[in-house]
Amino acid sequence: MSHDFWSILLLTGLIGWLVTCIVLMLRAFPERGVCNVPSAIRWGGAALFSFAVWIVGLLNA
C-alpha cells in the first residue's frame, strides 16, 4: 500500500517539474534578451522543489 503513495508522489513531482519548467521559460524570459528575475526565482524554486519531490518518489517507490 505504501508503494502506491510513493508512485502517486512520483508522478505528481514529474508533472509538476515539467509544468514549472515550461512556465519558467515563458514567464522568466518573456522576450529575447530580457530576464524577469523575481519570476525566475519564484518559478525556479518551484521547479527545484518539484524535482526534489520526483526524486524522493523515485527512491521510495
PDB file of N, CA and C in Angstrom:
ATOM      1  N   MET A   1       0.823  -1.198   0.000  1.00  0.00           N
ATOM      2  CA  MET A   1       0.000   0.000   0.000  1.00  0.00           C
ATOM      3  C   MET A   1       0.863   1.255   0.000  1.00  0.00           C
ATOM      4  N   SER A   2       1.975   1.219   0.700  1.00  0.00           N
ATOM      5  CA  SER A   2       2.794   2.421   0.764  1.00  0.00           C
ATOM      6  C   SER A   2       3.443   2.730  -0.579  1.00  0.00           C
ATOM      7  N   HIS A   3       3.635   1.714  -1.427  1.00  0.00           N
ATOM      8  CA  HIS A   3       4.219   1.964  -2.737  1.00  0.00           C
ATOM      9  C   HIS A   3       3.273   2.767  -3.624  1.00  0.00           C
ATOM     10  N   ASP A   4       1.970   2.622  -3.406  1.00  0.00           N
ATOM     11  CA  ASP A   4       1.004   3.410  -4.165  1.00  0.00           C
ATOM     12  C   ASP A   4       1.161   4.894  -3.861  1.00  0.00           C
ATOM     13  N   PHE A   5       1.349   5.215  -2.601  1.00  0.00           N
ATOM     14  CA  PHE A   5       1.554   6.619  -2.215  1.00  0.00           C
ATOM     15  C   PHE A   5       2.793   7.190  -2.888  1.00  0.00           C
ATOM     16  N   TRP A   6       3.897   6.451  -2.850  1.00  0.00           N
ATOM     17  CA  TRP A   6       5.137   6.952  -3.438  1.00  0.00           C
ATOM     18  C   TRP A   6       5.034   7.054  -4.955  1.00  0.00           C
ATOM     19  N   SER A   7       4.274   6.170  -5.571  1.00  0.00           N
ATOM     20  CA  SER A   7       4.081   6.242  -7.016  1.00  0.00           C
ATOM     21  C   SER A   7       3.272   7.473  -7.405  1.00  0.00           C
ATOM     22  N   ILE A   8       2.253   7.780  -6.615  1.00  0.00           N
ATOM     23  CA  ILE A   8       1.463   8.981  -6.874  1.00  0.00           C
ATOM     24  C   ILE A   8       2.320  10.219  -6.650  1.00  0.00           C
ATOM     25  N   LEU A   9       3.122  10.210  -5.605  1.00  0.00           N
ATOM     26  CA  LEU A   9       4.022  11.333  -5.344  1.00  0.00           C
ATOM     27  C   LEU A   9       5.035  11.487  -6.473  1.00  0.00           C
ATOM     28  N   LEU A  10       5.541  10.387  -6.981  1.00  0.00           N
ATOM     29  CA  LEU A  10       6.490  10.393  -8.079  1.00  0.00           C
ATOM     30  C   LEU A  10       5.869  11.033  -9.320  1.00  0.00           C
ATOM     31  N   LEU A  11       4.668  10.620  -9.679  1.00  0.00           N
ATOM     32  CA  LEU A  11       4.015  11.177 -10.862  1.00  0.00           C
ATOM     33  C   LEU A  11       3.652  12.645 -10.670  1.00  0.00           C
ATOM     34  N   THR A  12       3.227  13.001  -9.469  1.00  0.00           N
ATOM     35  CA  THR A  12       2.922  14.404  -9.179  1.00  0.00           C
ATOM     36  C   THR A  12       4.170  15.269  -9.301  1.00  0.00           C
ATOM     37  N   GLY A  13       5.281  14.779  -8.777  1.00  0.00           N
ATOM     38  CA  GLY A  13       6.533  15.525  -8.879  1.00  0.00           C
ATOM     39  C   GLY A  13       7.002  15.671 -10.310  1.00  0.00           C
ATOM     40  N   LEU A  14       6.867  14.621 -11.106  1.00  0.00           N
ATOM     41  CA  LEU A  14       7.285  14.680 -12.507  1.00  0.00           C
ATOM     42  C   LEU A  14       6.442  15.670 -13.298  1.00  0.00           C
ATOM     43  N   ILE A  15       5.136  15.583 -13.150  1.00  0.00           N
ATOM     44  CA  ILE A  15       4.254  16.504 -13.870  1.00  0.00           C
ATOM     45  C   ILE A  15       4.481  17.929 -13.394  1.00  0.00           C
ATOM     46  N   GLY A  16       4.644  18.118 -12.086  1.00  0.00           N
ATOM     47  CA  GLY A  16       4.919  19.448 -11.553  1.00  0.00           C
ATOM     48  C   GLY A  16       6.228  20.009 -12.068  1.00  0.00           C
ATOM     49  N   TRP A  17       7.239  19.166 -12.156  1.00  0.00           N
ATOM     50  CA  TRP A  17       8.540  19.615 -12.649  1.00  0.00           C
ATOM     51  C   TRP A  17       8.451  20.047 -14.107  1.00  0.00           C
ATOM     52  N   LEU A  18       7.792  19.259 -14.927  1.00  0.00           N
ATOM     53  CA  LEU A  18       7.650  19.615 -16.339  1.00  0.00           C
ATOM     54  C   LEU A  18       6.858  20.905 -16.527  1.00  0.00           C
ATOM     55  N   VAL A  19       5.757  21.034 -15.802  1.00  0.00           N
ATOM     56  CA  VAL A  19       4.919  22.231 -15.930  1.00  0.00           C
ATOM     57  C   VAL A  19       5.664  23.471 -15.438  1.00  0.00           C
ATOM     58  N   THR A  20       6.337  23.368 -14.286  1.00  0.00           N
ATOM     59  CA  THR A  20       7.036  24.546 -13.771  1.00  0.00           C
ATOM     60  C   THR A  20       8.218  24.944 -14.652  1.00  0.00           C
ATOM     61  N   CYS A  21       8.869  23.981 -15.288  1.00  0.00           N
ATOM     62  CA  CYS A  21       9.961  24.331 -16.209  1.00  0.00           C
ATOM     63  C   CYS A  21       9.442  25.073 -17.437  1.00  0.00           C
ATOM     64  N   ILE A  22       8.295  24.643 -17.953  1.00  0.00           N
ATOM     65  CA  ILE A  22       7.705  25.334 -19.098  1.00  0.00           C
ATOM     66  C   ILE A  22       7.270  26.738 -18.704  1.00  0.00           C
ATOM     67  N   VAL A  23       6.619  26.870 -17.556  1.00  0.00           N
ATOM     68  CA  VAL A  23       6.183  28.191 -17.093  1.00  0.00           C
ATOM     69  C   VAL A  23       7.396  29.072 -16.800  1.00  0.00           C
ATOM     70  N   LEU A  24       8.461  28.488 -16.255  1.00  0.00           N
ATOM     71  CA  LEU A  24       9.692  29.242 -16.012  1.00  0.00           C
ATOM     72  C   LEU A  24      10.224  29.834 -17.304  1.00  0.00           C
ATOM     73  N   MET A  25      10.270  29.035 -18.351  1.00  0.00           N
ATOM     74  CA  MET A  25      10.762  29.541 -19.636  1.00  0.00           C
ATOM     75  C   MET A  25       9.891  30.667 -20.179  1.00  0.00           C
ATOM     76  N   LEU A  26       8.585  30.537 -20.023  1.00  0.00           N
ATOM     77  CA  LEU A  26       7.678  31.527 -20.594  1.00  0.00           C
ATOM     78  C   LEU A  26       7.587  32.808 -19.767  1.00  0.00           C
ATOM     79  N   ARG A  27       7.638  32.686 -18.440  1.00  0.00           N
ATOM     80  CA  ARG A  27       7.470  33.858 -17.583  1.00  0.00           C
ATOM     81  C   ARG A  27       8.783  34.580 -17.287  1.00  0.00           C
ATOM     82  N   ALA A  28       9.855  33.841 -17.076  1.00  0.00           N
ATOM     83  CA  ALA A  28      11.122  34.468 -16.697  1.00  0.00           C
ATOM     84  C   ALA A  28      11.816  35.101 -17.897  1.00  0.00           C
ATOM     85  N   PHE A  29      11.554  34.580 -19.082  1.00  0.00           N
ATOM     86  CA  PHE A  29      12.179  35.107 -20.293  1.00  0.00           C
ATOM     87  C   PHE A  29      11.084  35.459 -21.295  1.00  0.00           C
ATOM     88  N   PRO A  30      10.401  36.602 -21.073  1.00  0.00           N
ATOM     89  CA  PRO A  30       9.257  36.941 -21.922  1.00  0.00           C
ATOM     90  C   PRO A  30       9.652  37.265 -23.367  1.00  0.00           C
ATOM     91  N   GLU A  31      10.855  37.773 -23.570  1.00  0.00           N
ATOM     92  CA  GLU A  31      11.335  38.053 -24.929  1.00  0.00           C
ATOM     93  C   GLU A  31      12.844  37.906 -24.951  1.00  0.00           C
ATOM     94  N   ARG A  32      13.405  37.874 -26.116  1.00  0.00           N
ATOM     95  CA  ARG A  32      14.838  37.654 -26.279  1.00  0.00           C
ATOM     96  C   ARG A  32      15.645  38.756 -25.577  1.00  0.00           C
ATOM     97  N   GLY A  33      16.592  38.338 -24.768  1.00  0.00           N
ATOM     98  CA  GLY A  33      17.479  39.272 -24.090  1.00  0.00           C
ATOM     99  C   GLY A  33      16.916  39.882 -22.819  1.00  0.00           C
ATOM    100  N   VAL A  34      15.753  39.447 -22.380  1.00  0.00           N
ATOM    101  CA  VAL A  34      15.113  40.004 -21.186  1.00  0.00           C
ATOM    102  C   VAL A  34      14.921  38.882 -20.172  1.00  0.00           C
ATOM    103  N   CYS A  35      15.311  39.170 -18.912  1.00  0.00           N
ATOM    104  CA  CYS A  35      15.113  38.208 -17.830  1.00  0.00           C
ATOM    105  C   CYS A  35      14.348  38.887 -16.697  1.00  0.00           C
ATOM    106  N   ASN A  36      13.209  38.328 -16.346  1.00  0.00           N
ATOM    107  CA  ASN A  36      12.407  38.817 -15.236  1.00  0.00           C
ATOM    108  C   ASN A  36      12.868  38.060 -13.982  1.00  0.00           C
ATOM    109  N   VAL A  37      13.754  38.676 -13.205  1.00  0.00           N
ATOM    110  CA  VAL A  37      14.424  37.988 -12.097  1.00  0.00           C
ATOM    111  C   VAL A  37      13.461  37.504 -11.009  1.00  0.00           C
ATOM    112  N   PRO A  38      12.512  38.313 -10.525  1.00  0.00           N
ATOM    113  CA  PRO A  38      11.611  37.790  -9.474  1.00  0.00           C
ATOM    114  C   PRO A  38      10.813  36.570  -9.938  1.00  0.00           C
ATOM    115  N   SER A  39      10.361  36.602 -11.165  1.00  0.00           N
ATOM    116  CA  SER A  39       9.628  35.465 -11.702  1.00  0.00           C
ATOM    117  C   SER A  39      10.542  34.258 -11.878  1.00  0.00           C
ATOM    118  N   ALA A  40      11.773  34.488 -12.284  1.00  0.00           N
ATOM    119  CA  ALA A  40      12.732  33.393 -12.446  1.00  0.00           C
ATOM    120  C   ALA A  40      13.034  32.732 -11.108  1.00  0.00           C
ATOM    121  N   ILE A  41      13.170  33.515 -10.063  1.00  0.00           N
ATOM    122  CA  ILE A  41      13.438  32.951  -8.732  1.00  0.00           C
ATOM    123  C   ILE A  41      12.231  32.154  -8.246  1.00  0.00           C
ATOM    124  N   ARG A  42      11.044  32.697  -8.430  1.00  0.00           N
ATOM    125  CA  ARG A  42       9.826  32.028  -7.968  1.00  0.00           C
ATOM    126  C   ARG A  42       9.613  30.703  -8.703  1.00  0.00           C
ATOM    127  N   TRP A  43       9.640  30.746 -10.017  1.00  0.00           N
ATOM    128  CA  TRP A  43       9.372  29.526 -10.782  1.00  0.00           C
ATOM    129  C   TRP A  43      10.559  28.569 -10.754  1.00  0.00           C
ATOM    130  N   GLY A  44      11.765  29.084 -10.641  1.00  0.00           N
ATOM    131  CA  GLY A  44      12.927  28.220 -10.499  1.00  0.00           C
ATOM    132  C   GLY A  44      12.901  27.459  -9.181  1.00  0.00           C
ATOM    133  N   GLY A  45      12.490  28.141  -8.116  1.00  0.00           N
ATOM    134  CA  GLY A  45      12.346  27.471  -6.828  1.00  0.00           C
ATOM    135  C   GLY A  45      11.265  26.401  -6.859  1.00  0.00           C
ATOM    136  N   ALA A  46      10.160  26.705  -7.538  1.00  0.00           N
ATOM    137  CA  ALA A  46       9.091  25.709  -7.667  1.00  0.00           C
ATOM    138  C   ALA A  46       9.561  24.508  -8.481  1.00  0.00           C
ATOM    139  N   ALA A  47      10.366  24.752  -9.517  1.00  0.00           N
ATOM    140  CA  ALA A  47      10.896  23.656 -10.328  1.00  0.00           C
ATOM    141  C   ALA A  47      11.857  22.799  -9.514  1.00  0.00           C
ATOM    142  N   LEU A  48      12.697  23.422  -8.721  1.00  0.00           N
ATOM    143  CA  LEU A  48      13.617  22.660  -7.877  1.00  0.00           C
ATOM    144  C   LEU A  48      12.866  21.829  -6.837  1.00  0.00           C
ATOM    145  N   PHE A  49      11.833  22.406  -6.255  1.00  0.00           N
ATOM    146  CA  PHE A  49      11.044  21.678  -5.266  1.00  0.00           C
ATOM    147  C   PHE A  49      10.350  20.472  -5.889  1.00  0.00           C
ATOM    148  N   SER A  50       9.716  20.668  -7.042  1.00  0.00           N
ATOM    149  CA  SER A  50       9.020  19.550  -7.679  1.00  0.00           C
ATOM    150  C   SER A  50      10.006  18.504  -8.189  1.00  0.00           C
ATOM    151  N   PHE A  51      11.201  18.920  -8.594  1.00  0.00           N
ATOM    152  CA  PHE A  51      12.232  17.965  -8.976  1.00  0.00           C
ATOM    153  C   PHE A  51      12.640  17.117  -7.772  1.00  0.00           C
ATOM    154  N   ALA A  52      12.780  17.754  -6.614  1.00  0.00           N
ATOM    155  CA  ALA A  52      13.136  17.025  -5.392  1.00  0.00           C
ATOM    156  C   ALA A  52      12.026  16.044  -5.008  1.00  0.00           C
ATOM    157  N   VAL A  53      10.773  16.441  -5.174  1.00  0.00           N
ATOM    158  CA  VAL A  53       9.652  15.543  -4.886  1.00  0.00           C
ATOM    159  C   VAL A  53       9.699  14.340  -5.824  1.00  0.00           C
ATOM    160  N   TRP A  54      10.008  14.575  -7.078  1.00  0.00           N
ATOM    161  CA  TRP A  54      10.108  13.494  -8.053  1.00  0.00           C
ATOM    162  C   TRP A  54      11.217  12.504  -7.668  1.00  0.00           C
ATOM    163  N   ILE A  55      12.374  13.026  -7.270  1.00  0.00           N
ATOM    164  CA  ILE A  55      13.490  12.167  -6.895  1.00  0.00           C
ATOM    165  C   ILE A  55      13.171  11.358  -5.638  1.00  0.00           C
ATOM    166  N   VAL A  56      12.550  11.993  -4.658  1.00  0.00           N
ATOM    167  CA  VAL A  56      12.169  11.273  -3.433  1.00  0.00           C
ATOM    168  C   VAL A  56      11.177  10.157  -3.773  1.00  0.00           C
ATOM    169  N   GLY A  57      10.229  10.455  -4.666  1.00  0.00           N
ATOM    170  CA  GLY A  57       9.280   9.430  -5.094  1.00  0.00           C
ATOM    171  C   GLY A  57       9.983   8.292  -5.820  1.00  0.00           C
ATOM    172  N   LEU A  58      10.970   8.617  -6.653  1.00  0.00           N
ATOM    173  CA  LEU A  58      11.719   7.572  -7.356  1.00  0.00           C
ATOM    174  C   LEU A  58      12.480   6.669  -6.391  1.00  0.00           C
ATOM    175  N   LEU A  59      13.053   7.257  -5.370  1.00  0.00           N
ATOM    176  CA  LEU A  59      13.841   6.483  -4.421  1.00  0.00           C
ATOM    177  C   LEU A  59      12.994   5.577  -3.543  1.00  0.00           C
ATOM    178  N   ASN A  60      11.750   5.953  -3.320  1.00  0.00           N
ATOM    179  CA  ASN A  60      10.906   5.198  -2.388  1.00  0.00           C
ATOM    180  C   ASN A  60       9.844   4.331  -3.042  1.00  0.00           C
ATOM    181  N   ALA A  61       9.605   4.491  -4.330  1.00  0.00           N
ATOM    182  CA  ALA A  61       8.539   3.717  -4.996  1.00  0.00           C
ATOM    183  C   ALA A  61       8.961   2.289  -5.248  1.00  0.00           C
TER     184      ALA A  61
END
